PDB file of N, CA and C in Angstrom:
ATOM      1  N   UNK A   1       1.032  -0.870   0.273  1.00  0.00           N
ATOM      2  CA  UNK A   1       0.203  -0.149  -0.284  1.00  0.00           C
ATOM      3  C   UNK A   1       0.775   1.395   0.036  1.00  0.00           C
ATOM      4  N   UNK A   2       1.849   1.393   0.985  1.00  0.00           N
ATOM      5  CA  UNK A   2       2.396   2.826   0.900  1.00  0.00           C
ATOM      6  C   UNK A   2       3.289   2.362  -0.478  1.00  0.00           C
ATOM      7  N   UNK A   3       3.962   1.243  -1.038  1.00  0.00           N
ATOM      8  CA  UNK A   3       4.671   1.371  -2.509  1.00  0.00           C
ATOM      9  C   UNK A   3       3.593   2.256  -3.415  1.00  0.00           C
ATOM     10  N   UNK A   4       2.366   1.959  -3.415  1.00  0.00           N
ATOM     11  CA  UNK A   4       1.728   3.020  -4.242  1.00  0.00           C
ATOM     12  C   UNK A   4       1.192   3.984  -4.297  1.00  0.00           C
ATOM     13  N   UNK A   5       1.668   4.724  -3.020  1.00  0.00           N
ATOM     14  CA  UNK A   5       1.681   6.145  -3.194  1.00  0.00           C
ATOM     15  C   UNK A   5       3.141   6.627  -2.713  1.00  0.00           C
ATOM     16  N   UNK A   6       4.088   6.108  -3.042  1.00  0.00           N
ATOM     17  CA  UNK A   6       5.728   6.610  -2.831  1.00  0.00           C
ATOM     18  C   UNK A   6       5.796   7.518  -3.691  1.00  0.00           C
ATOM     19  N   UNK A   7       5.540   7.320  -5.117  1.00  0.00           N
ATOM     20  CA  UNK A   7       6.006   8.041  -5.758  1.00  0.00           C
ATOM     21  C   UNK A   7       4.617   9.817  -5.893  1.00  0.00           C
ATOM     22  N   UNK A   8       3.371   9.584  -5.551  1.00  0.00           N
ATOM     23  CA  UNK A   8       3.164  10.972  -5.310  1.00  0.00           C
ATOM     24  C   UNK A   8       3.482  11.638  -3.967  1.00  0.00           C
ATOM     25  N   UNK A   9       4.187  10.826  -2.877  1.00  0.00           N
ATOM     26  CA  UNK A   9       5.004  11.557  -1.518  1.00  0.00           C
ATOM     27  C   UNK A   9       5.865  12.270  -2.307  1.00  0.00           C
ATOM     28  N   UNK A  10       7.036  11.521  -3.066  1.00  0.00           N
ATOM     29  CA  UNK A  10       8.241  11.822  -3.941  1.00  0.00           C
ATOM     30  C   UNK A  10       7.865  13.124  -4.715  1.00  0.00           C
ATOM     31  N   UNK A  11       6.951  12.942  -5.485  1.00  0.00           N
ATOM     32  CA  UNK A  11       6.830  14.282  -6.106  1.00  0.00           C
ATOM     33  C   UNK A  11       6.392  15.217  -5.440  1.00  0.00           C
ATOM     34  N   UNK A  12       5.644  15.159  -4.068  1.00  0.00           N
ATOM     35  CA  UNK A  12       5.374  16.334  -3.677  1.00  0.00           C
ATOM     36  C   UNK A  12       6.555  16.651  -2.239  1.00  0.00           C
ATOM     37  N   UNK A  13       7.682  16.003  -2.453  1.00  0.00           N
ATOM     38  CA  UNK A  13       8.941  16.191  -1.420  1.00  0.00           C
ATOM     39  C   UNK A  13       8.356  15.592  -0.205  1.00  0.00           C
ATOM     40  N   UNK A  14       7.400  14.961   0.170  1.00  0.00           N
ATOM     41  CA  UNK A  14       7.060  14.585   1.409  1.00  0.00           C
ATOM     42  C   UNK A  14       7.745  13.265   1.803  1.00  0.00           C
ATOM     43  N   UNK A  15       8.731  13.166   2.857  1.00  0.00           N
ATOM     44  CA  UNK A  15       9.463  12.330   3.127  1.00  0.00           C
ATOM     45  C   UNK A  15       8.373  10.942   4.559  1.00  0.00           C
ATOM     46  N   UNK A  16       8.366  10.026   4.275  1.00  0.00           N
ATOM     47  CA  UNK A  16       7.670   8.570   4.985  1.00  0.00           C
ATOM     48  C   UNK A  16       8.448   8.259   5.318  1.00  0.00           C
ATOM     49  N   UNK A  17       8.042   8.046   6.896  1.00  0.00           N
ATOM     50  CA  UNK A  17       8.935   6.731   7.929  1.00  0.00           C
ATOM     51  C   UNK A  17       7.755   6.625   8.679  1.00  0.00           C
ATOM     52  N   UNK A  18       7.657   5.180   8.432  1.00  0.00           N
ATOM     53  CA  UNK A  18       6.437   4.058   9.344  1.00  0.00           C
ATOM     54  C   UNK A  18       7.775   3.443  10.336  1.00  0.00           C
ATOM     55  N   UNK A  19       7.217   3.466  10.787  1.00  0.00           N
ATOM     56  CA  UNK A  19       7.444   2.050  12.366  1.00  0.00           C
ATOM     57  C   UNK A  19       6.556   1.475  12.115  1.00  0.00           C
ATOM     58  N   UNK A  20       6.734   0.424  12.222  1.00  0.00           N
ATOM     59  CA  UNK A  20       5.222  -0.461  11.589  1.00  0.00           C
ATOM     60  C   UNK A  20       6.036  -1.447  13.184  1.00  0.00           C
ATOM     61  N   UNK A  21       4.776  -2.049  13.871  1.00  0.00           N
ATOM     62  CA  UNK A  21       5.216  -3.303  14.666  1.00  0.00           C
ATOM     63  C   UNK A  21       4.494  -4.054  14.530  1.00  0.00           C
ATOM     64  N   UNK A  22       4.873  -5.459  15.174  1.00  0.00           N
ATOM     65  CA  UNK A  22       3.924  -6.552  14.730  1.00  0.00           C
ATOM     66  C   UNK A  22       3.166  -7.168  16.006  1.00  0.00           C
ATOM     67  N   UNK A  23       2.540  -6.309  17.165  1.00  0.00           N
ATOM     68  CA  UNK A  23       1.704  -6.889  17.445  1.00  0.00           C
ATOM     69  C   UNK A  23       0.739  -6.030  17.867  1.00  0.00           C
ATOM     70  N   UNK A  24       0.112  -5.248  16.955  1.00  0.00           N
ATOM     71  CA  UNK A  24      -1.540  -4.781  16.814  1.00  0.00           C
ATOM     72  C   UNK A  24      -2.103  -5.522  16.586  1.00  0.00           C
ATOM     73  N   UNK A  25      -3.483  -5.289  16.655  1.00  0.00           N
ATOM     74  CA  UNK A  25      -4.618  -6.013  16.769  1.00  0.00           C
ATOM     75  C   UNK A  25      -5.056  -6.162  15.598  1.00  0.00           C
ATOM     76  N   UNK A  26      -5.882  -7.286  14.861  1.00  0.00           N
ATOM     77  CA  UNK A  26      -6.278  -7.312  13.905  1.00  0.00           C
ATOM     78  C   UNK A  26      -7.488  -6.484  13.257  1.00  0.00           C
ATOM     79  N   UNK A  27      -7.314  -6.321  12.256  1.00  0.00           N
ATOM     80  CA  UNK A  27      -8.482  -5.403  11.718  1.00  0.00           C
ATOM     81  C   UNK A  27      -9.313  -6.096  10.847  1.00  0.00           C
ATOM     82  N   UNK A  28     -11.000  -6.155  10.948  1.00  0.00           N
ATOM     83  CA  UNK A  28     -11.614  -6.690   9.947  1.00  0.00           C
ATOM     84  C   UNK A  28     -12.287  -5.929   9.321  1.00  0.00           C
ATOM     85  N   UNK A  29     -12.050  -6.461   7.909  1.00  0.00           N
ATOM     86  CA  UNK A  29     -12.830  -5.462   7.034  1.00  0.00           C
ATOM     87  C   UNK A  29     -12.541  -5.790   5.462  1.00  0.00           C
ATOM     88  N   UNK A  30     -12.688  -4.753   4.774  1.00  0.00           N
ATOM     89  CA  UNK A  30     -12.711  -5.216   3.370  1.00  0.00           C
ATOM     90  C   UNK A  30     -11.304  -4.849   2.829  1.00  0.00           C
ATOM     91  N   UNK A  31     -10.742  -5.467   2.246  1.00  0.00           N
ATOM     92  CA  UNK A  31      -9.236  -5.174   1.826  1.00  0.00           C
ATOM     93  C   UNK A  31      -8.996  -4.213   1.354  1.00  0.00           C
ATOM     94  N   UNK A  32      -9.654  -4.008   0.184  1.00  0.00           N
ATOM     95  CA  UNK A  32      -9.526  -2.898  -0.832  1.00  0.00           C
ATOM     96  C   UNK A  32     -10.358  -1.339  -0.116  1.00  0.00           C
ATOM     97  N   UNK A  33     -11.406  -1.255   0.518  1.00  0.00           N
ATOM     98  CA  UNK A  33     -11.613  -0.289   1.451  1.00  0.00           C
ATOM     99  C   UNK A  33     -10.590  -0.187   2.228  1.00  0.00           C
ATOM    100  N   UNK A  34      -9.862  -1.328   3.008  1.00  0.00           N
ATOM    101  CA  UNK A  34      -8.951  -0.550   4.307  1.00  0.00           C
ATOM    102  C   UNK A  34      -7.696   0.567   3.248  1.00  0.00           C
ATOM    103  N   UNK A  35      -7.427  -0.509   1.884  1.00  0.00           N
ATOM    104  CA  UNK A  35      -6.164  -0.143   1.397  1.00  0.00           C
ATOM    105  C   UNK A  35      -6.904   1.678   0.959  1.00  0.00           C
ATOM    106  N   UNK A  36      -8.033   1.527   0.374  1.00  0.00           N
ATOM    107  CA  UNK A  36      -8.518   3.223  -0.132  1.00  0.00           C
ATOM    108  C   UNK A  36      -8.296   4.125   1.129  1.00  0.00           C
ATOM    109  N   UNK A  37      -8.753   3.852   2.059  1.00  0.00           N
ATOM    110  CA  UNK A  37      -8.612   4.455   3.153  1.00  0.00           C
ATOM    111  C   UNK A  37      -7.424   5.227   3.892  1.00  0.00           C
ATOM    112  N   UNK A  38      -6.138   3.649   3.620  1.00  0.00           N
ATOM    113  CA  UNK A  38      -4.893   4.205   4.248  1.00  0.00           C
ATOM    114  C   UNK A  38      -4.751   5.122   2.888  1.00  0.00           C
ATOM    115  N   UNK A  39      -4.556   5.299   1.540  1.00  0.00           N
ATOM    116  CA  UNK A  39      -4.140   5.804   0.523  1.00  0.00           C
ATOM    117  C   UNK A  39      -4.765   7.672   0.880  1.00  0.00           C
ATOM    118  N   UNK A  40      -5.988   7.214   0.991  1.00  0.00           N
ATOM    119  CA  UNK A  40      -6.511   8.730   1.239  1.00  0.00           C
ATOM    120  C   UNK A  40      -5.865   9.466   2.310  1.00  0.00           C
ATOM    121  N   UNK A  41      -5.629   8.571   3.282  1.00  0.00           N
ATOM    122  CA  UNK A  41      -5.107   9.398   4.627  1.00  0.00           C
ATOM    123  C   UNK A  41      -3.534   9.851   4.015  1.00  0.00           C
ATOM    124  N   UNK A  42      -3.124   9.047   3.391  1.00  0.00           N
ATOM    125  CA  UNK A  42      -1.407   9.576   3.030  1.00  0.00           C
ATOM    126  C   UNK A  42      -1.609  11.225   2.082  1.00  0.00           C
ATOM    127  N   UNK A  43      -2.567  10.531   1.254  1.00  0.00           N
ATOM    128  CA  UNK A  43      -2.561  11.839  -0.127  1.00  0.00           C
ATOM    129  C   UNK A  43      -3.501  13.139   0.651  1.00  0.00           C
ATOM    130  N   UNK A  44      -4.098  12.897   1.659  1.00  0.00           N
ATOM    131  CA  UNK A  44      -4.541  13.989   2.564  1.00  0.00           C
ATOM    132  C   UNK A  44      -3.383  15.220   3.302  1.00  0.00           C
ATOM    133  N   UNK A  45      -2.645  14.115   3.905  1.00  0.00           N
ATOM    134  CA  UNK A  45      -1.283  14.350   4.516  1.00  0.00           C
ATOM    135  C   UNK A  45      -0.539  15.248   3.658  1.00  0.00           C
ATOM    136  N   UNK A  46      -0.333  14.419   2.439  1.00  0.00           N
ATOM    137  CA  UNK A  46       0.636  15.295   1.353  1.00  0.00           C
ATOM    138  C   UNK A  46      -0.319  16.613   0.919  1.00  0.00           C
ATOM    139  N   UNK A  47      -1.007  16.691   0.879  1.00  0.00           N
ATOM    140  CA  UNK A  47      -1.708  17.566   0.277  1.00  0.00           C
ATOM    141  C   UNK A  47      -1.995  18.669   1.419  1.00  0.00           C
ATOM    142  N   UNK A  48      -2.484  18.366   2.151  1.00  0.00           N
ATOM    143  CA  UNK A  48      -2.056  19.416   3.648  1.00  0.00           C
ATOM    144  C   UNK A  48      -0.479  20.328   3.999  1.00  0.00           C
ATOM    145  N   UNK A  49       0.631  19.141   3.579  1.00  0.00           N
ATOM    146  CA  UNK A  49       1.815  20.081   3.620  1.00  0.00           C
ATOM    147  C   UNK A  49       2.055  20.768   2.621  1.00  0.00           C
ATOM    148  N   UNK A  50       1.354  20.858   1.548  1.00  0.00           N
ATOM    149  CA  UNK A  50       1.657  21.316   0.118  1.00  0.00           C
ATOM    150  C   UNK A  50       1.862  22.811   0.369  1.00  0.00           C
ATOM    151  N   UNK A  51       1.734  23.689   1.454  1.00  0.00           N
ATOM    152  CA  UNK A  51       2.023  24.759   1.697  1.00  0.00           C
ATOM    153  C   UNK A  51       3.381  24.875   2.412  1.00  0.00           C
ATOM    154  N   UNK A  52       3.874  23.996   3.086  1.00  0.00           N
ATOM    155  CA  UNK A  52       4.950  24.150   3.544  1.00  0.00           C
ATOM    156  C   UNK A  52       6.245  24.246   2.993  1.00  0.00           C
ATOM    157  N   UNK A  53       7.029  25.254   3.019  1.00  0.00           N
ATOM    158  CA  UNK A  53       8.026  25.421   2.623  1.00  0.00           C
ATOM    159  C   UNK A  53       9.405  25.946   3.347  1.00  0.00           C
ATOM    160  N   UNK A  54       8.989  25.742   4.436  1.00  0.00           N
ATOM    161  CA  UNK A  54      10.092  26.903   5.578  1.00  0.00           C
ATOM    162  C   UNK A  54      11.016  25.434   6.143  1.00  0.00           C
ATOM    163  N   UNK A  55      10.435  24.012   5.950  1.00  0.00           N
ATOM    164  CA  UNK A  55      10.952  23.058   6.874  1.00  0.00           C
ATOM    165  C   UNK A  55      10.782  22.049   5.576  1.00  0.00           C
ATOM    166  N   UNK A  56      11.539  20.689   5.879  1.00  0.00           N
ATOM    167  CA  UNK A  56      11.139  19.678   5.714  1.00  0.00           C
ATOM    168  C   UNK A  56      10.036  19.197   5.696  1.00  0.00           C
ATOM    169  N   UNK A  57       9.233  18.539   4.348  1.00  0.00           N
ATOM    170  CA  UNK A  57       7.915  17.676   4.768  1.00  0.00           C
ATOM    171  C   UNK A  57       7.860  16.325   4.784  1.00  0.00           C
ATOM    172  N   UNK A  58       7.650  16.165   6.551  1.00  0.00           N
ATOM    173  CA  UNK A  58       7.907  14.563   6.790  1.00  0.00           C
ATOM    174  C   UNK A  58       6.105  13.688   7.033  1.00  0.00           C
ATOM    175  N   UNK A  59       6.402  12.924   7.434  1.00  0.00           N
ATOM    176  CA  UNK A  59       5.112  12.092   7.303  1.00  0.00           C
ATOM    177  C   UNK A  59       5.413  10.662   8.172  1.00  0.00           C
ATOM    178  N   UNK A  60       5.090  10.739   9.171  1.00  0.00           N
ATOM    179  CA  UNK A  60       5.657   9.731  10.287  1.00  0.00           C
ATOM    180  C   UNK A  60       4.313   8.814  11.182  1.00  0.00           C
ATOM    181  N   UNK A  61       4.796   7.640  10.877  1.00  0.00           N
ATOM    182  CA  UNK A  61       3.626   7.009  11.579  1.00  0.00           C
ATOM    183  C   UNK A  61       4.669   6.151  12.671  1.00  0.00           C
ATOM    184  N   UNK A  62       4.082   6.041  14.359  1.00  0.00           N
ATOM    185  CA  UNK A  62       4.949   5.459  15.412  1.00  0.00           C
ATOM    186  C   UNK A  62       4.464   5.013  16.051  1.00  0.00           C
ATOM    187  N   UNK A  63       4.731   3.880  17.031  1.00  0.00           N
ATOM    188  CA  UNK A  63       4.246   2.990  17.753  1.00  0.00           C
ATOM    189  C   UNK A  63       3.922   3.926  19.389  1.00  0.00           C
ATOM    190  N   UNK A  64       3.214   4.412  19.672  1.00  0.00           N
ATOM    191  CA  UNK A  64       2.175   5.235  21.082  1.00  0.00           C
ATOM    192  C   UNK A  64       1.913   4.226  22.256  1.00  0.00           C
ATOM    193  N   UNK A  65       2.598   4.527  23.284  1.00  0.00           N
ATOM    194  CA  UNK A  65       1.857   3.714  24.620  1.00  0.00           C
ATOM    195  C   UNK A  65       0.498   3.925  24.519  1.00  0.00           C
ATOM    196  N   UNK A  66       0.352   5.149  24.828  1.00  0.00           N
ATOM    197  CA  UNK A  66      -1.132   5.751  25.149  1.00  0.00           C
ATOM    198  C   UNK A  66      -2.076   5.767  23.591  1.00  0.00           C
ATOM    199  N   UNK A  67      -1.577   5.585  22.705  1.00  0.00           N
ATOM    200  CA  UNK A  67      -2.725   6.103  21.456  1.00  0.00           C
ATOM    201  C   UNK A  67      -2.335   4.651  20.721  1.00  0.00           C
ATOM    202  N   UNK A  68      -1.393   4.035  20.737  1.00  0.00           N
ATOM    203  CA  UNK A  68      -1.507   2.914  19.885  1.00  0.00           C
ATOM    204  C   UNK A  68      -0.210   3.092  18.561  1.00  0.00           C
ATOM    205  N   UNK A  69      -1.068   4.012  17.704  1.00  0.00           N
ATOM    206  CA  UNK A  69      -0.209   4.553  16.575  1.00  0.00           C
ATOM    207  C   UNK A  69      -0.158   5.911  16.682  1.00  0.00           C
ATOM    208  N   UNK A  70       0.660   6.709  16.506  1.00  0.00           N
ATOM    209  CA  UNK A  70       0.810   8.066  16.356  1.00  0.00           C
ATOM    210  C   UNK A  70       1.218   8.491  14.394  1.00  0.00           C
ATOM    211  N   UNK A  71       0.354   9.307  14.000  1.00  0.00           N
ATOM    212  CA  UNK A  71       0.582   9.847  12.655  1.00  0.00           C
ATOM    213  C   UNK A  71       0.592  11.461  12.926  1.00  0.00           C
ATOM    214  N   UNK A  72       1.732  11.788  12.550  1.00  0.00           N
ATOM    215  CA  UNK A  72       2.085  13.147  12.688  1.00  0.00           C
ATOM    216  C   UNK A  72       3.043  13.636  11.288  1.00  0.00           C
TER     217      UNK A  72
END
């Protein structure tokens, strides 16, 4: 899924850093719809950073004890 959006992120000069962990709970749902949600989140984040010119554009997802996973 991330591979599909890498070219778009690179075109918009967004650096992606995803720290994935193996012990997350399984999610039940339609695989295609879940992929579309993730792709839309990545695109929305990239679009939201389009006006950032004074610092690197970085999109991160990382484990967090309280929230599970944090995307920033």
